PDB file of N, CA and C in Angstrom:
ATOM      1  N   MET A   1     -72.445 -21.454 187.965  1.00  0.00           N
ATOM      2  CA  MET A   1     -71.309 -21.375 187.059  1.00  0.00           C
ATOM      3  C   MET A   1     -70.447 -20.186 187.442  1.00  0.00           C
ATOM      4  N   LEU A   2     -69.167 -20.420 187.540  1.00  0.00           N
ATOM      5  CA  LEU A   2     -68.235 -19.357 187.901  1.00  0.00           C
ATOM      6  C   LEU A   2     -67.894 -18.511 186.672  1.00  0.00           C
ATOM      7  N   SER A   3     -67.648 -17.235 186.931  1.00  0.00           N
ATOM      8  CA  SER A   3     -67.267 -16.353 185.844  1.00  0.00           C
ATOM      9  C   SER A   3     -65.791 -16.598 185.477  1.00  0.00           C
ATOM     10  N   LYS A   4     -65.426 -16.158 184.298  1.00  0.00           N
ATOM     11  CA  LYS A   4     -64.045 -16.286 183.841  1.00  0.00           C
ATOM     12  C   LYS A   4     -63.092 -15.556 184.780  1.00  0.00           C
ATOM     13  N   GLU A   5     -63.544 -14.388 185.249  1.00  0.00           N
ATOM     14  CA  GLU A   5     -62.709 -13.579 186.129  1.00  0.00           C
ATOM     15  C   GLU A   5     -62.437 -14.298 187.446  1.00  0.00           C
ATOM     16  N   ARG A   6     -63.474 -14.937 188.006  1.00  0.00           N
ATOM     17  CA  ARG A   6     -63.316 -15.641 189.273  1.00  0.00           C
ATOM     18  C   ARG A   6     -62.384 -16.846 189.111  1.00  0.00           C
ATOM     19  N   LYS A   7     -62.537 -17.589 187.994  1.00  0.00           N
ATOM     20  CA  LYS A   7     -61.649 -18.717 187.733  1.00  0.00           C
ATOM     21  C   LYS A   7     -60.201 -18.253 187.562  1.00  0.00           C
ATOM     22  N   ALA A   8     -60.019 -17.135 186.871  1.00  0.00           N
ATOM     23  CA  ALA A   8     -58.676 -16.599 186.662  1.00  0.00           C
ATOM     24  C   ALA A   8     -58.055 -16.166 187.998  1.00  0.00           C
ATOM     25  N   GLU A   9     -58.886 -15.592 188.859  1.00  0.00           N
ATOM     26  CA  GLU A   9     -58.426 -15.172 190.179  1.00  0.00           C
ATOM     27  C   GLU A   9     -57.990 -16.372 191.015  1.00  0.00           C
ATOM     28  N   LEU A  10     -58.793 -17.449 191.005  1.00  0.00           N
ATOM     29  CA  LEU A  10     -58.440 -18.658 191.743  1.00  0.00           C
ATOM     30  C   LEU A  10     -57.182 -19.314 191.170  1.00  0.00           C
ATOM     31  N   THR A  11     -57.063 -19.308 189.843  1.00  0.00           N
ATOM     32  CA  THR A  11     -55.892 -19.903 189.193  1.00  0.00           C
ATOM     33  C   THR A  11     -54.628 -19.141 189.585  1.00  0.00           C
ATOM     34  N   LYS A  12     -54.735 -17.844 189.613  1.00  0.00           N
ATOM     35  CA  LYS A  12     -53.576 -17.022 189.982  1.00  0.00           C
ATOM     36  C   LYS A  12     -53.204 -17.231 191.449  1.00  0.00           C
ATOM     37  N   LYS A  13     -54.207 -17.364 192.312  1.00  0.00           N
ATOM     38  CA  LYS A  13     -53.952 -17.503 193.741  1.00  0.00           C
ATOM     39  C   LYS A  13     -53.371 -18.872 194.116  1.00  0.00           C
ATOM     40  N   PHE A  14     -53.929 -19.946 193.542  1.00  0.00           N
ATOM     41  CA  PHE A  14     -53.537 -21.286 193.945  1.00  0.00           C
ATOM     42  C   PHE A  14     -52.571 -21.977 192.977  1.00  0.00           C
ATOM     43  N   GLY A  15     -52.400 -21.443 191.778  1.00  0.00           N
ATOM     44  CA  GLY A  15     -51.515 -22.057 190.800  1.00  0.00           C
ATOM     45  C   GLY A  15     -50.133 -21.454 190.812  1.00  0.00           C
ATOM     46  N   ALA A  16     -49.232 -22.046 190.042  1.00  0.00           N
ATOM     47  CA  ALA A  16     -47.870 -21.532 189.931  1.00  0.00           C
ATOM     48  C   ALA A  16     -47.859 -20.227 189.129  1.00  0.00           C
ATOM     49  N   ASN A  17     -48.759 -20.112 188.158  1.00  0.00           N
ATOM     50  CA  ASN A  17     -48.930 -18.889 187.378  1.00  0.00           C
ATOM     51  C   ASN A  17     -50.377 -18.774 186.926  1.00  0.00           C
ATOM     52  N   GLU A  18     -50.693 -17.761 186.137  1.00  0.00           N
ATOM     53  CA  GLU A  18     -52.084 -17.534 185.750  1.00  0.00           C
ATOM     54  C   GLU A  18     -52.623 -18.523 184.712  1.00  0.00           C
ATOM     55  N   LYS A  19     -51.758 -19.348 184.155  1.00  0.00           N
ATOM     56  CA  LYS A  19     -52.207 -20.351 183.168  1.00  0.00           C
ATOM     57  C   LYS A  19     -52.118 -21.771 183.701  1.00  0.00           C
ATOM     58  N   ASP A  20     -51.901 -21.937 184.981  1.00  0.00           N
ATOM     59  CA  ASP A  20     -51.690 -23.242 185.600  1.00  0.00           C
ATOM     60  C   ASP A  20     -53.030 -23.861 186.039  1.00  0.00           C
ATOM     61  N   THR A  21     -53.927 -24.081 185.072  1.00  0.00           N
ATOM     62  CA  THR A  21     -55.272 -24.557 185.413  1.00  0.00           C
ATOM     63  C   THR A  21     -55.305 -26.046 185.723  1.00  0.00           C
ATOM     64  N   GLY A  22     -54.302 -26.799 185.365  1.00  0.00           N
ATOM     65  CA  GLY A  22     -54.284 -28.230 185.609  1.00  0.00           C
ATOM     66  C   GLY A  22     -53.810 -28.611 186.989  1.00  0.00           C
ATOM     67  N   ASN A  23     -53.300 -27.657 187.729  1.00  0.00           N
ATOM     68  CA  ASN A  23     -52.815 -27.912 189.065  1.00  0.00           C
ATOM     69  C   ASN A  23     -53.946 -28.434 189.955  1.00  0.00           C
ATOM     70  N   VAL A  24     -53.657 -29.412 190.776  1.00  0.00           N
ATOM     71  CA  VAL A  24     -54.676 -30.017 191.639  1.00  0.00           C
ATOM     72  C   VAL A  24     -55.268 -28.976 192.591  1.00  0.00           C
ATOM     73  N   LYS A  25     -54.411 -28.101 193.139  1.00  0.00           N
ATOM     74  CA  LYS A  25     -54.907 -27.101 194.068  1.00  0.00           C
ATOM     75  C   LYS A  25     -55.872 -26.135 193.393  1.00  0.00           C
ATOM     76  N   VAL A  26     -55.596 -25.780 192.148  1.00  0.00           N
ATOM     77  CA  VAL A  26     -56.493 -24.888 191.395  1.00  0.00           C
ATOM     78  C   VAL A  26     -57.824 -25.586 191.138  1.00  0.00           C
ATOM     79  N   GLN A  27     -57.769 -26.843 190.733  1.00  0.00           N
ATOM     80  CA  GLN A  27     -58.996 -27.587 190.459  1.00  0.00           C
ATOM     81  C   GLN A  27     -59.858 -27.719 191.708  1.00  0.00           C
ATOM     82  N   VAL A  28     -59.229 -27.967 192.865  1.00  0.00           N
ATOM     83  CA  VAL A  28     -59.983 -28.082 194.117  1.00  0.00           C
ATOM     84  C   VAL A  28     -60.598 -26.739 194.488  1.00  0.00           C
ATOM     85  N   ALA A  29     -59.858 -25.653 194.297  1.00  0.00           N
ATOM     86  CA  ALA A  29     -60.381 -24.324 194.623  1.00  0.00           C
ATOM     87  C   ALA A  29     -61.588 -23.979 193.744  1.00  0.00           C
ATOM     88  N   ILE A  30     -61.520 -24.284 192.469  1.00  0.00           N
ATOM     89  CA  ILE A  30     -62.633 -23.998 191.561  1.00  0.00           C
ATOM     90  C   ILE A  30     -63.831 -24.860 191.933  1.00  0.00           C
ATOM     91  N   LEU A  31     -63.605 -26.143 192.205  1.00  0.00           N
ATOM     92  CA  LEU A  31     -64.695 -27.016 192.603  1.00  0.00           C
ATOM     93  C   LEU A  31     -65.339 -26.551 193.912  1.00  0.00           C
ATOM     94  N   THR A  32     -64.528 -26.070 194.844  1.00  0.00           N
ATOM     95  CA  THR A  32     -65.058 -25.584 196.117  1.00  0.00           C
ATOM     96  C   THR A  32     -65.959 -24.382 195.908  1.00  0.00           C
ATOM     97  N   ASP A  33     -65.551 -23.457 195.042  1.00  0.00           N
ATOM     98  CA  ASP A  33     -66.409 -22.303 194.748  1.00  0.00           C
ATOM     99  C   ASP A  33     -67.714 -22.735 194.087  1.00  0.00           C
ATOM    100  N   GLU A  34     -67.634 -23.692 193.149  1.00  0.00           N
ATOM    101  CA  GLU A  34     -68.847 -24.179 192.488  1.00  0.00           C
ATOM    102  C   GLU A  34     -69.755 -24.887 193.488  1.00  0.00           C
ATOM    103  N   ILE A  35     -69.177 -25.648 194.417  1.00  0.00           N
ATOM    104  CA  ILE A  35     -69.953 -26.345 195.445  1.00  0.00           C
ATOM    105  C   ILE A  35     -70.664 -25.327 196.333  1.00  0.00           C
ATOM    106  N   ASN A  36     -69.973 -24.276 196.701  1.00  0.00           N
ATOM    107  CA  ASN A  36     -70.594 -23.245 197.534  1.00  0.00           C
ATOM    108  C   ASN A  36     -71.752 -22.563 196.815  1.00  0.00           C
ATOM    109  N   LEU A  37     -71.573 -22.300 195.511  1.00  0.00           N
ATOM    110  CA  LEU A  37     -72.676 -21.687 194.740  1.00  0.00           C
ATOM    111  C   LEU A  37     -73.874 -22.623 194.651  1.00  0.00           C
ATOM    112  N   LEU A  38     -73.625 -23.894 194.380  1.00  0.00           N
ATOM    113  CA  LEU A  38     -74.718 -24.856 194.272  1.00  0.00           C
ATOM    114  C   LEU A  38     -75.421 -25.054 195.612  1.00  0.00           C
ATOM    115  N   THR A  39     -74.682 -25.013 196.702  1.00  0.00           N
ATOM    116  CA  THR A  39     -75.269 -25.166 198.027  1.00  0.00           C
ATOM    117  C   THR A  39     -76.227 -24.012 198.308  1.00  0.00           C
ATOM    118  N   GLU A  40     -75.804 -22.787 197.987  1.00  0.00           N
ATOM    119  CA  GLU A  40     -76.692 -21.645 198.189  1.00  0.00           C
ATOM    120  C   GLU A  40     -77.922 -21.733 197.298  1.00  0.00           C
ATOM    121  N   HIS A  41     -77.758 -22.203 196.071  1.00  0.00           N
ATOM    122  CA  HIS A  41     -78.888 -22.366 195.161  1.00  0.00           C
ATOM    123  C   HIS A  41     -79.883 -23.382 195.716  1.00  0.00           C
ATOM    124  N   LEU A  42     -79.361 -24.476 196.269  1.00  0.00           N
ATOM    125  CA  LEU A  42     -80.242 -25.530 196.744  1.00  0.00           C
ATOM    126  C   LEU A  42     -80.949 -25.167 198.052  1.00  0.00           C
ATOM    127  N   LYS A  43     -80.415 -24.200 198.780  1.00  0.00           N
ATOM    128  CA  LYS A  43     -81.109 -23.728 199.979  1.00  0.00           C
ATOM    129  C   LYS A  43     -82.427 -23.051 199.603  1.00  0.00           C
ATOM    130  N   VAL A  44     -82.458 -22.413 198.434  1.00  0.00           N
ATOM    131  CA  VAL A  44     -83.663 -21.729 197.967  1.00  0.00           C
ATOM    132  C   VAL A  44     -84.537 -22.682 197.146  1.00  0.00           C
ATOM    133  N   ASN A  45     -83.922 -23.523 196.326  1.00  0.00           N
ATOM    134  CA  ASN A  45     -84.639 -24.414 195.406  1.00  0.00           C
ATOM    135  C   ASN A  45     -84.453 -25.864 195.855  1.00  0.00           C
ATOM    136  N   LYS A  46     -85.196 -26.282 196.848  1.00  0.00           N
ATOM    137  CA  LYS A  46     -85.007 -27.599 197.446  1.00  0.00           C
ATOM    138  C   LYS A  46     -85.314 -28.753 196.506  1.00  0.00           C
ATOM    139  N   HIS A  47     -86.179 -28.535 195.547  1.00  0.00           N
ATOM    140  CA  HIS A  47     -86.604 -29.626 194.676  1.00  0.00           C
ATOM    141  C   HIS A  47     -85.892 -29.619 193.316  1.00  0.00           C
ATOM    142  N   ASP A  48     -84.801 -28.936 193.200  1.00  0.00           N
ATOM    143  CA  ASP A  48     -84.015 -28.918 191.973  1.00  0.00           C
ATOM    144  C   ASP A  48     -83.061 -30.107 192.000  1.00  0.00           C
ATOM    145  N   TYR A  49     -83.558 -31.250 191.553  1.00  0.00           N
ATOM    146  CA  TYR A  49     -82.821 -32.496 191.703  1.00  0.00           C
ATOM    147  C   TYR A  49     -81.618 -32.599 190.770  1.00  0.00           C
ATOM    148  N   SER A  50     -81.681 -31.964 189.617  1.00  0.00           N
ATOM    149  CA  SER A  50     -80.533 -32.017 188.709  1.00  0.00           C
ATOM    150  C   SER A  50     -79.356 -31.231 189.297  1.00  0.00           C
ATOM    151  N   SER A  51     -79.650 -30.126 189.968  1.00  0.00           N
ATOM    152  CA  SER A  51     -78.583 -29.384 190.620  1.00  0.00           C
ATOM    153  C   SER A  51     -78.046 -30.143 191.831  1.00  0.00           C
ATOM    154  N   LYS A  52     -78.919 -30.873 192.496  1.00  0.00           N
ATOM    155  CA  LYS A  52     -78.479 -31.679 193.631  1.00  0.00           C
ATOM    156  C   LYS A  52     -77.520 -32.769 193.162  1.00  0.00           C
ATOM    157  N   ARG A  53     -77.831 -33.389 192.024  1.00  0.00           N
ATOM    158  CA  ARG A  53     -76.945 -34.408 191.469  1.00  0.00           C
ATOM    159  C   ARG A  53     -75.605 -33.806 191.061  1.00  0.00           C
ATOM    160  N   ALA A  54     -75.654 -32.624 190.444  1.00  0.00           N
ATOM    161  CA  ALA A  54     -74.432 -31.936 190.042  1.00  0.00           C
ATOM    162  C   ALA A  54     -73.571 -31.622 191.271  1.00  0.00           C
ATOM    163  N   LEU A  55     -74.222 -31.248 192.367  1.00  0.00           N
ATOM    164  CA  LEU A  55     -73.482 -31.000 193.608  1.00  0.00           C
ATOM    165  C   LEU A  55     -72.771 -32.249 194.089  1.00  0.00           C
ATOM    166  N   PHE A  56     -73.466 -33.384 194.069  1.00  0.00           N
ATOM    167  CA  PHE A  56     -72.862 -34.639 194.511  1.00  0.00           C
ATOM    168  C   PHE A  56     -71.689 -35.038 193.634  1.00  0.00           C
ATOM    169  N   VAL A  57     -71.816 -34.808 192.319  1.00  0.00           N
ATOM    170  CA  VAL A  57     -70.727 -35.127 191.379  1.00  0.00           C
ATOM    171  C   VAL A  57     -69.511 -34.263 191.684  1.00  0.00           C
ATOM    172  N   LYS A  58     -69.720 -32.967 191.901  1.00  0.00           N
ATOM    173  CA  LYS A  58     -68.609 -32.064 192.193  1.00  0.00           C
ATOM    174  C   LYS A  58     -67.947 -32.391 193.518  1.00  0.00           C
ATOM    175  N   VAL A  59     -68.741 -32.763 194.522  1.00  0.00           N
ATOM    176  CA  VAL A  59     -68.169 -33.150 195.817  1.00  0.00           C
ATOM    177  C   VAL A  59     -67.312 -34.403 195.647  1.00  0.00           C
ATOM    178  N   GLY A  60     -67.779 -35.351 194.841  1.00  0.00           N
ATOM    179  CA  GLY A  60     -67.000 -36.559 194.576  1.00  0.00           C
ATOM    180  C   GLY A  60     -65.708 -36.281 193.863  1.00  0.00           C
ATOM    181  N   GLN A  61     -65.758 -35.380 192.878  1.00  0.00           N
ATOM    182  CA  GLN A  61     -64.542 -34.987 192.153  1.00  0.00           C
ATOM    183  C   GLN A  61     -63.541 -34.341 193.106  1.00  0.00           C
ATOM    184  N   ARG A  62     -64.047 -33.418 193.936  1.00  0.00           N
ATOM    185  CA  ARG A  62     -63.149 -32.736 194.875  1.00  0.00           C
ATOM    186  C   ARG A  62     -62.551 -33.718 195.865  1.00  0.00           C
ATOM    187  N   SER A  63     -63.354 -34.671 196.314  1.00  0.00           N
ATOM    188  CA  SER A  63     -62.865 -35.671 197.266  1.00  0.00           C
ATOM    189  C   SER A  63     -61.731 -36.490 196.659  1.00  0.00           C
ATOM    190  N   GLY A  64     -61.882 -36.877 195.410  1.00  0.00           N
ATOM    191  CA  GLY A  64     -60.826 -37.640 194.735  1.00  0.00           C
ATOM    192  C   GLY A  64     -59.554 -36.838 194.572  1.00  0.00           C
ATOM    193  N   LEU A  65     -59.693 -35.579 194.200  1.00  0.00           N
ATOM    194  CA  LEU A  65     -58.511 -34.727 194.032  1.00  0.00           C
ATOM    195  C   LEU A  65     -57.824 -34.468 195.366  1.00  0.00           C
ATOM    196  N   LEU A  66     -58.620 -34.279 196.414  1.00  0.00           N
ATOM    197  CA  LEU A  66     -58.024 -34.066 197.745  1.00  0.00           C
ATOM    198  C   LEU A  66     -57.309 -35.328 198.235  1.00  0.00           C
ATOM    199  N   GLY A  67     -57.864 -36.479 197.949  1.00  0.00           N
ATOM    200  CA  GLY A  67     -57.196 -37.720 198.311  1.00  0.00           C
ATOM    201  C   GLY A  67     -55.875 -37.878 197.586  1.00  0.00           C
ATOM    202  N   TYR A  68     -55.855 -37.529 196.314  1.00  0.00           N
ATOM    203  CA  TYR A  68     -54.621 -37.594 195.531  1.00  0.00           C
ATOM    204  C   TYR A  68     -53.569 -36.634 196.112  1.00  0.00           C
ATOM    205  N   LEU A  69     -54.010 -35.392 196.421  1.00  0.00           N
ATOM    206  CA  LEU A  69     -53.074 -34.418 196.965  1.00  0.00           C
ATOM    207  C   LEU A  69     -52.560 -34.846 198.338  1.00  0.00           C
ATOM    208  N   ASN A  70     -53.428 -35.447 199.137  1.00  0.00           N
ATOM    209  CA  ASN A  70     -53.053 -35.918 200.467  1.00  0.00           C
ATOM    210  C   ASN A  70     -51.974 -36.996 200.357  1.00  0.00           C
ATOM    211  N   ASN A  71     -52.139 -37.906 199.404  1.00  0.00           N
ATOM    212  CA  ASN A  71     -51.141 -38.972 199.219  1.00  0.00           C
ATOM    213  C   ASN A  71     -49.835 -38.426 198.644  1.00  0.00           C
ATOM    214  N   LYS A  72     -49.930 -37.412 197.781  1.00  0.00           N
ATOM    215  CA  LYS A  72     -48.746 -36.883 197.115  1.00  0.00           C
ATOM    216  C   LYS A  72     -47.946 -35.951 198.018  1.00  0.00           C
ATOM    217  N   ASN A  73     -48.658 -35.024 198.687  1.00  0.00           N
ATOM    218  CA  ASN A  73     -47.966 -34.033 199.512  1.00  0.00           C
ATOM    219  C   ASN A  73     -48.908 -33.611 200.644  1.00  0.00           C
ATOM    220  N   HIS A  74     -48.741 -34.217 201.800  1.00  0.00           N
ATOM    221  CA  HIS A  74     -49.664 -33.994 202.921  1.00  0.00           C
ATOM    222  C   HIS A  74     -49.628 -32.547 203.430  1.00  0.00           C
ATOM    223  N   ASP A  75     -48.457 -31.918 203.414  1.00  0.00           N
ATOM    224  CA  ASP A  75     -48.355 -30.546 203.897  1.00  0.00           C
ATOM    225  C   ASP A  75     -49.134 -29.582 203.009  1.00  0.00           C
ATOM    226  N   GLU A  76     -49.040 -29.755 201.686  1.00  0.00           N
ATOM    227  CA  GLU A  76     -49.808 -28.924 200.757  1.00  0.00           C
ATOM    228  C   GLU A  76     -51.299 -29.157 200.938  1.00  0.00           C
ATOM    229  N   TYR A  77     -51.687 -30.420 201.183  1.00  0.00           N
ATOM    230  CA  TYR A  77     -53.082 -30.767 201.430  1.00  0.00           C
ATOM    231  C   TYR A  77     -53.620 -30.010 202.638  1.00  0.00           C
ATOM    232  N   LEU A  78     -52.874 -30.044 203.741  1.00  0.00           N
ATOM    233  CA  LEU A  78     -53.305 -29.363 204.959  1.00  0.00           C
ATOM    234  C   LEU A  78     -53.422 -27.849 204.744  1.00  0.00           C
ATOM    235  N   ALA A  79     -52.456 -27.277 204.035  1.00  0.00           N
ATOM    236  CA  ALA A  79     -52.490 -25.841 203.755  1.00  0.00           C
ATOM    237  C   ALA A  79     -53.679 -25.470 202.881  1.00  0.00           C
ATOM    238  N   LEU A  80     -53.996 -26.333 201.907  1.00  0.00           N
ATOM    239  CA  LEU A  80     -55.106 -26.048 200.990  1.00  0.00           C
ATOM    240  C   LEU A  80     -56.445 -26.114 201.700  1.00  0.00           C
ATOM    241  N   ILE A  81     -56.683 -27.140 202.513  1.00  0.00           N
ATOM    242  CA  ILE A  81     -57.987 -27.236 203.173  1.00  0.00           C
ATOM    243  C   ILE A  81     -58.136 -26.124 204.209  1.00  0.00           C
ATOM    244  N   LYS A  82     -57.034 -25.648 204.766  1.00  0.00           N
ATOM    245  CA  LYS A  82     -57.112 -24.522 205.692  1.00  0.00           C
ATOM    246  C   LYS A  82     -57.428 -23.243 204.935  1.00  0.00           C
ATOM    247  N   ALA A  83     -56.795 -23.049 203.793  1.00  0.00           N
ATOM    248  CA  ALA A  83     -57.026 -21.843 202.982  1.00  0.00           C
ATOM    249  C   ALA A  83     -58.437 -21.772 202.439  1.00  0.00           C
ATOM    250  N   LEU A  84     -59.006 -22.937 202.071  1.00  0.00           N
ATOM    251  CA  LEU A  84     -60.351 -22.974 201.511  1.00  0.00           C
ATOM    252  C   LEU A  84     -61.436 -23.088 202.572  1.00  0.00           C
ATOM    253  N   GLY A  85     -61.052 -23.446 203.781  1.00  0.00           N
ATOM    254  CA  GLY A  85     -62.042 -23.545 204.853  1.00  0.00           C
ATOM    255  C   GLY A  85     -62.925 -24.777 204.746  1.00  0.00           C
ATOM    256  N   ILE A  86     -62.355 -25.884 204.293  1.00  0.00           N
ATOM    257  CA  ILE A  86     -63.138 -27.118 204.202  1.00  0.00           C
ATOM    258  C   ILE A  86     -62.596 -28.138 205.198  1.00  0.00           C
ATOM    259  N   ARG A  87     -63.377 -29.123 205.518  1.00  0.00           N
ATOM    260  CA  ARG A  87     -63.027 -30.171 206.472  1.00  0.00           C
ATOM    261  C   ARG A  87     -62.534 -29.603 207.795  1.00  0.00           C
ATOM    262  N   LYS A  88     -63.401 -28.889 208.421  1.00  0.00           N
ATOM    263  CA  LYS A  88     -63.042 -28.219 209.688  1.00  0.00           C
ATOM    264  C   LYS A  88     -62.795 -29.169 210.806  1.00  0.00           C
TER     265      LYS A  88
END
């Protein structure tokens, strides 16, 4: 789970302003941070199946949002995946 401060930081960095939490780029950035945290957790706790399921759900959500952004604005999509370091 991300802290309020980390979510606010991501919202400020990827959103139009500090209250722009509905922006697709902000949602993808928050999901990416949560995915990274869950991945590190699962490296230590291999048999935590509920966390593994949560990871798959978050990856699916991020995939859908990235597909939407790709269809809506391909240049923003490319900039976002480069900034977040995903889909190398």
